[in-house]
Amino acid sequence: MIKVLVATDKPFAKVASDQIRAIFSEAGYHCTFFEKYPDQDSLVQAVADAEAIIIRSDIVDQNVIENAKNLKIVVRAGAGYDNVDLKAASEHNVVVMNTPGQNSNAVAELAIGMMLYQVRNHFNGSSGTELFGKTIGIHAYGNVGKHVARIARGFGMTVYAFDPFVSHSAIENDGVIAVETVEELYSKCQFVSLHIPANEKTKKSINFELLSLMPANAMLVNTARKEVICEESLKRSFNERKDFCYVSDVAPGNLSELDAFSSRIFCTPKKMGAQTAEANINAGIAAANQIIGFFEKNDVTFKVN
């Protein structure tokens, strides 16, 4: 019987957990849930006999992989997978997958929701502004970016997008204006919504030079990763631009240094993009089915290493 560990410091919603259990039960797999664990060492111990692991934002590093002697596959229930040591996984013949697109609408709705919260002055009763008629730039036009564009167009915003890996025709077919450079995106848009991954090319790439290109009353929306932000540049932007705002579901490491700008910044207490029942269900079910597909059919469609 194949042993699956669902290791989630932030547990799936109950309805998602129940469906994951049902999927594995029907397949004849043994599934154990390991939730809200106290520390990384306890995760290392829990994976000892697992052949498959489902995680969310949990860290699967070299130590975890080396101690999971039977491990064949790790599935990240979500899009980003920078919390998994891909090199160590490959060295130990462990397949790593993500579940692209399953959380996308939830993340997009959060991005728009944070924008509304900020332009309405944190709902403090004072007069704010509207999204209608404003410009928004989508930095990376993937699954989440497409949903943000769809919702923003519904608000009557003019939507631009930059993504060197997506054709202009594919972007423009969605009623979105494609731009040639990232600099053009930032210079044209009052709002910019970030959807780039965190890798060696993108870390700290959102810097003061880019942010300074944004027009008056600029707002940066980050539902990606905090590592893509140059935090020194973020602080400088707050200091030098009295009209600059930042909203994010992942707080910068220097958040305490930004206390003086509390009216112009909002960060959720934890990464909340995928924290909806629907996203939990979609990503959890996808992860479970991908594990079964891997063992039963050698299906590695969503392999990332």
Protein backbone atom coordinates (compact mmCIF):
# COMPACT_ATOMS: atom_id res chain seq x y z
CA MET A 1 0.00 0.00 0.00
CA ILE A 2 1.45 3.34 -1.08
CA LYS A 3 1.92 5.77 1.81
CA VAL A 4 1.04 9.41 1.25
CA LEU A 5 1.80 12.20 3.72
CA VAL A 6 -0.18 15.44 3.52
CA ALA A 7 2.16 17.82 5.37
CA THR A 8 0.55 21.22 5.83
CA ASP A 9 1.49 23.75 8.47
CA LYS A 10 -1.48 25.71 7.09
CA PRO A 11 -4.09 22.92 6.84
CA PHE A 12 -6.44 22.46 3.94
CA ALA A 13 -10.06 23.40 4.55
CA LYS A 14 -11.98 20.43 5.99
CA VAL A 15 -14.03 19.96 2.83
CA ALA A 16 -10.77 19.69 0.84
CA SER A 17 -9.16 17.32 3.35
CA ASP A 18 -12.21 15.06 3.26
CA GLN A 19 -12.08 14.84 -0.52
CA ILE A 20 -8.35 14.15 -0.53
CA ARG A 21 -8.87 11.30 1.94
CA ALA A 22 -11.69 9.91 -0.19
CA ILE A 23 -9.59 9.95 -3.37
CA PHE A 24 -6.72 8.06 -1.73
CA SER A 25 -9.05 5.63 0.05
CA GLU A 26 -10.72 4.69 -3.21
CA ALA A 27 -7.31 4.15 -4.83
CA GLY A 28 -6.22 1.92 -1.97
CA TYR A 29 -3.49 4.29 -0.75
CA HIS A 30 -2.70 4.96 2.91
CA CYS A 31 -2.99 8.72 3.57
CA THR A 32 -1.83 10.49 6.73
CA PHE A 33 -2.40 14.18 7.50
CA PHE A 34 0.37 16.00 9.36
CA GLU A 35 -0.96 19.47 10.17
CA LYS A 36 0.20 22.50 12.18
CA TYR A 37 3.42 20.73 13.07
CA PRO A 38 5.70 22.51 15.58
CA ASP A 39 8.97 22.73 13.64
CA GLN A 40 10.97 21.51 10.66
CA ASP A 41 12.53 18.67 12.63
CA SER A 42 9.12 17.14 13.20
CA LEU A 43 8.48 17.21 9.45
CA VAL A 44 11.78 15.42 8.86
CA GLN A 45 10.64 12.66 11.23
CA ALA A 46 7.16 12.46 9.71
CA VAL A 47 8.41 11.80 6.16
CA ALA A 48 10.50 8.78 7.12
CA ASP A 49 8.32 6.15 5.40
CA ALA A 50 6.35 8.35 2.98
CA GLU A 51 6.40 7.50 -0.71
CA ALA A 52 4.52 10.65 -1.70
CA ILE A 53 4.08 14.04 -0.05
CA ILE A 54 1.54 16.80 -0.62
CA ILE A 55 2.59 20.20 0.71
CA ARG A 56 1.45 23.81 0.51
CA SER A 57 3.97 26.47 1.61
CA ASP A 58 5.88 23.89 3.62
CA ILE A 59 9.65 23.59 3.17
CA VAL A 60 10.95 20.40 1.57
CA ASP A 61 14.69 20.93 1.75
CA GLN A 62 17.66 18.62 1.36
CA ASN A 63 17.33 17.36 4.93
CA VAL A 64 13.69 16.37 4.41
CA ILE A 65 14.48 14.59 1.14
CA GLU A 66 17.49 12.74 2.51
CA ASN A 67 15.46 11.42 5.45
CA ALA A 68 12.57 10.25 3.26
CA LYS A 69 14.21 7.08 2.02
CA ASN A 70 11.13 5.81 0.19
CA LEU A 71 10.07 9.12 -1.31
CA LYS A 72 9.18 9.11 -5.02
CA ILE A 73 7.12 12.28 -5.51
CA VAL A 74 6.41 15.67 -3.91
CA VAL A 75 3.40 17.66 -5.08
CA ARG A 76 3.12 21.31 -4.17
CA ALA A 77 -0.60 22.12 -4.01
CA GLY A 78 -0.25 25.49 -5.71
CA ALA A 79 1.76 27.15 -8.43
CA GLY A 80 4.99 28.32 -6.81
CA TYR A 81 7.54 25.65 -5.89
CA ASP A 82 10.54 27.62 -4.61
CA ASN A 83 9.92 25.99 -1.20
CA VAL A 84 11.21 22.68 -2.59
CA ASP A 85 14.90 21.93 -3.12
CA LEU A 86 14.69 20.80 -6.74
CA LYS A 87 18.37 19.96 -6.96
CA ALA A 88 18.25 17.65 -3.96
CA ALA A 89 15.05 16.08 -5.25
CA SER A 90 16.59 15.33 -8.64
CA GLU A 91 19.72 13.90 -7.03
CA HIS A 92 17.52 11.47 -5.08
CA ASN A 93 15.28 10.63 -8.07
CA VAL A 94 12.29 12.37 -6.51
CA VAL A 95 9.78 13.91 -8.92
CA VAL A 96 8.48 17.36 -7.94
CA MET A 97 5.19 18.68 -9.33
CA ASN A 98 2.99 21.71 -8.82
CA THR A 99 -0.70 22.20 -9.56
CA PRO A 100 -0.74 25.21 -11.88
CA GLY A 101 -3.97 27.14 -12.27
CA GLN A 102 -5.84 25.58 -9.36
CA ASN A 103 -5.44 28.57 -7.03
CA SER A 104 -5.42 31.24 -9.70
CA ASN A 105 -8.84 32.79 -9.27
CA ALA A 106 -8.48 32.93 -5.48
CA VAL A 107 -5.17 34.77 -5.77
CA ALA A 108 -6.58 37.15 -8.38
CA GLU A 109 -9.60 38.01 -6.25
CA LEU A 110 -7.30 38.74 -3.30
CA ALA A 111 -5.19 41.06 -5.47
CA ILE A 112 -8.24 43.05 -6.51
CA GLY A 113 -9.64 42.96 -2.97
CA MET A 114 -6.45 44.46 -1.55
CA MET A 115 -6.52 47.15 -4.21
CA LEU A 116 -10.07 48.07 -3.20
CA TYR A 117 -9.14 48.06 0.48
CA GLN A 118 -6.27 50.46 -0.17
CA VAL A 119 -8.01 52.91 -2.52
CA ARG A 120 -10.89 53.13 -0.01
CA ASN A 121 -8.45 54.09 2.77
CA HIS A 122 -8.71 50.79 4.66
CA PHE A 123 -12.45 51.42 5.01
CA ASN A 124 -11.82 54.07 7.67
CA GLY A 125 -14.84 56.17 6.67
CA SER A 126 -12.94 58.80 4.71
CA SER A 127 -13.39 59.51 1.01
CA GLY A 128 -11.33 57.25 -1.23
CA THR A 129 -11.05 56.69 -4.98
CA GLU A 130 -12.38 54.15 -7.50
CA LEU A 131 -10.77 51.59 -9.76
CA PHE A 132 -13.00 52.49 -12.70
CA GLY A 133 -11.09 54.24 -15.47
CA LYS A 134 -7.65 53.54 -13.96
CA THR A 135 -4.77 51.69 -15.61
CA ILE A 136 -3.40 48.39 -14.33
CA GLY A 137 -0.35 46.48 -15.51
CA ILE A 138 -0.06 42.71 -15.23
CA HIS A 139 3.58 41.79 -14.71
CA ALA A 140 3.64 38.18 -16.01
CA TYR A 141 0.55 37.03 -17.87
CA GLY A 142 0.16 33.51 -16.53
CA ASN A 143 -2.82 31.83 -14.89
CA VAL A 144 -3.21 34.37 -12.08
CA GLY A 145 -2.42 37.34 -14.29
CA LYS A 146 -5.15 36.36 -16.71
CA HIS A 147 -7.72 36.25 -13.92
CA VAL A 148 -6.60 39.63 -12.56
CA ALA A 149 -6.98 41.07 -16.05
CA ARG A 150 -10.47 39.58 -16.42
CA ILE A 151 -11.66 41.00 -13.09
CA ALA A 152 -9.99 44.38 -13.65
CA ARG A 153 -11.69 44.74 -17.02
CA GLY A 154 -14.98 44.09 -15.25
CA PHE A 155 -14.23 47.09 -13.04
CA GLY A 156 -13.73 49.22 -16.13
CA MET A 157 -9.95 49.43 -15.85
CA THR A 158 -7.61 49.65 -18.83
CA VAL A 159 -5.36 46.59 -18.64
CA TYR A 160 -1.79 46.29 -19.89
CA ALA A 161 0.45 43.22 -19.65
CA PHE A 162 4.11 42.36 -20.03
CA ASP A 163 5.30 38.80 -20.43
CA PRO A 164 8.18 37.87 -22.74
CA PHE A 165 6.98 34.25 -22.79
CA VAL A 166 3.44 34.98 -23.99
CA SER A 167 2.68 36.19 -27.52
CA HIS A 168 1.14 39.61 -28.00
CA SER A 169 -1.74 38.05 -29.89
CA ALA A 170 -2.61 35.75 -26.96
CA ILE A 171 -2.63 38.74 -24.60
CA GLU A 172 -4.61 40.99 -26.92
CA ASN A 173 -7.20 38.28 -27.60
CA ASP A 174 -8.23 38.82 -23.96
CA GLY A 175 -8.82 42.52 -24.50
CA VAL A 176 -5.50 43.38 -22.83
CA ILE A 177 -2.85 45.71 -24.27
CA ALA A 178 0.54 44.00 -24.66
CA VAL A 179 3.67 46.10 -24.10
CA GLU A 180 7.22 45.48 -25.29
CA THR A 181 9.19 46.13 -22.10
CA VAL A 182 8.74 45.99 -18.35
CA GLU A 183 9.70 49.67 -18.21
CA GLU A 184 6.83 50.53 -20.53
CA LEU A 185 4.44 48.59 -18.30
CA TYR A 186 5.42 50.48 -15.17
CA SER A 187 5.44 53.88 -16.87
CA LYS A 188 1.90 53.44 -18.23
CA CYS A 189 0.15 51.96 -15.20
CA GLN A 190 -1.03 53.46 -11.93
CA PHE A 191 -1.47 49.93 -10.56
CA VAL A 192 0.93 47.04 -11.20
CA SER A 193 0.06 43.50 -10.14
CA LEU A 194 3.05 41.17 -9.73
CA HIS A 195 2.90 37.53 -10.79
CA ILE A 196 6.53 36.67 -11.46
CA PRO A 197 8.22 33.65 -9.85
CA ALA A 198 11.12 34.01 -7.44
CA ASN A 199 14.30 32.85 -9.14
CA GLU A 200 17.85 34.07 -9.65
CA LYS A 201 16.77 36.46 -12.41
CA THR A 202 13.77 37.95 -10.63
CA LYS A 203 14.89 38.24 -7.00
CA LYS A 204 15.10 41.95 -6.02
CA SER A 205 14.23 42.86 -9.62
CA ILE A 206 11.38 45.15 -8.56
CA ASN A 207 13.58 48.08 -7.67
CA PHE A 208 13.40 51.84 -7.26
CA GLU A 209 14.20 52.45 -10.92
CA LEU A 210 11.09 50.56 -11.97
CA LEU A 211 8.84 51.95 -9.24
CA SER A 212 9.90 55.50 -9.97
CA LEU A 213 8.52 55.12 -13.51
CA MET A 214 4.97 54.66 -12.25
CA PRO A 215 2.57 57.60 -12.68
CA ALA A 216 0.93 59.57 -9.86
CA ASN A 217 -0.88 57.67 -7.10
CA ALA A 218 1.00 54.48 -7.86
CA MET A 219 0.19 51.17 -6.20
CA LEU A 220 2.23 47.97 -6.36
CA VAL A 221 0.25 44.78 -5.70
CA ASN A 222 2.27 41.71 -4.75
CA THR A 223 0.69 38.27 -4.56
CA ALA A 224 3.89 36.65 -5.81
CA ARG A 225 6.90 36.33 -3.49
CA LYS A 226 8.57 38.87 -1.19
CA GLU A 227 11.97 37.92 -2.64
CA VAL A 228 11.19 39.63 -5.96
CA ILE A 229 11.01 43.00 -4.17
CA CYS A 230 14.15 44.98 -3.46
CA GLU A 231 13.21 46.01 0.06
CA GLU A 232 15.67 48.90 0.15
CA SER A 233 13.96 50.26 -2.96
CA LEU A 234 10.55 49.76 -1.39
CA LYS A 235 11.54 51.87 1.61
CA ARG A 236 13.06 54.51 -0.65
CA SER A 237 9.87 54.64 -2.70
CA PHE A 238 7.84 55.34 0.42
CA ASN A 239 10.27 58.04 1.51
CA GLU A 240 10.55 59.80 -1.83
CA ARG A 241 7.01 59.35 -3.15
CA LYS A 242 4.17 60.53 -0.96
CA ASP A 243 1.70 59.00 -3.45
CA PHE A 244 3.15 55.47 -3.46
CA CYS A 245 1.22 52.54 -1.94
CA TYR A 246 2.04 48.87 -1.52
CA VAL A 247 -0.32 45.97 -0.84
CA SER A 248 0.78 42.38 -0.50
CA ASP A 249 -0.16 39.00 0.89
CA VAL A 250 3.47 38.43 1.84
CA ALA A 251 4.96 41.05 4.16
CA PRO A 252 8.42 42.41 3.37
CA GLY A 253 11.21 41.49 5.74
CA ASN A 254 11.69 45.15 6.65
CA LEU A 255 8.02 45.72 7.49
CA SER A 256 8.88 47.17 10.92
CA GLU A 257 10.91 49.88 9.19
CA LEU A 258 7.78 50.95 7.28
CA ASP A 259 5.58 51.70 10.30
CA ALA A 260 5.59 55.40 9.48
CA PHE A 261 3.81 54.63 6.20
CA SER A 262 1.02 52.49 7.65
CA SER A 263 -1.69 54.36 5.74
CA ARG A 264 0.02 53.51 2.45
CA ILE A 265 0.81 49.87 3.04
CA PHE A 266 -1.25 46.78 3.73
CA CYS A 267 -0.01 43.22 4.17
CA THR A 268 -2.02 40.18 5.16
CA PRO A 269 -0.78 38.45 8.34
CA LYS A 270 0.01 35.28 6.37
CA LYS A 271 0.16 34.43 2.69
CA MET A 272 -3.55 34.28 1.92
CA GLY A 273 -3.80 33.98 -1.86
CA ALA A 274 -4.90 30.35 -1.88
CA GLN A 275 -6.87 30.50 1.36
CA THR A 276 -10.35 29.82 0.00
CA ALA A 277 -12.37 26.64 0.23
CA GLU A 278 -12.56 26.48 -3.56
CA ALA A 279 -8.80 26.86 -4.05
CA ASN A 280 -8.13 24.30 -1.31
CA ILE A 281 -10.43 21.83 -3.01
CA ASN A 282 -9.08 22.46 -6.51
CA ALA A 283 -5.39 22.26 -5.54
CA GLY A 284 -5.82 19.40 -3.08
CA ILE A 285 -7.80 17.23 -5.47
CA ALA A 286 -5.36 18.00 -8.29
CA ALA A 287 -2.41 17.03 -6.08
CA ALA A 288 -4.05 13.76 -5.03
CA ASN A 289 -4.95 12.84 -8.60
CA GLN A 290 -1.45 13.70 -9.83
CA ILE A 291 0.08 11.35 -7.27
CA ILE A 292 -2.23 8.53 -8.35
CA GLY A 293 -1.53 9.28 -12.00
CA PHE A 294 2.20 9.17 -11.30
CA PHE A 295 2.13 5.77 -9.59
CA GLU A 296 -0.51 4.17 -11.81
CA LYS A 297 0.40 5.62 -15.23
CA ASN A 298 3.83 7.18 -14.76
CA ASP A 299 2.20 10.53 -15.61
CA VAL A 300 4.69 13.39 -15.02
CA THR A 301 2.77 16.12 -16.83
CA PHE A 302 3.37 18.76 -14.18
CA LYS A 303 6.94 17.82 -13.28
CA VAL A 304 9.09 20.90 -12.50
CA ASN A 305 12.51 19.34 -11.86
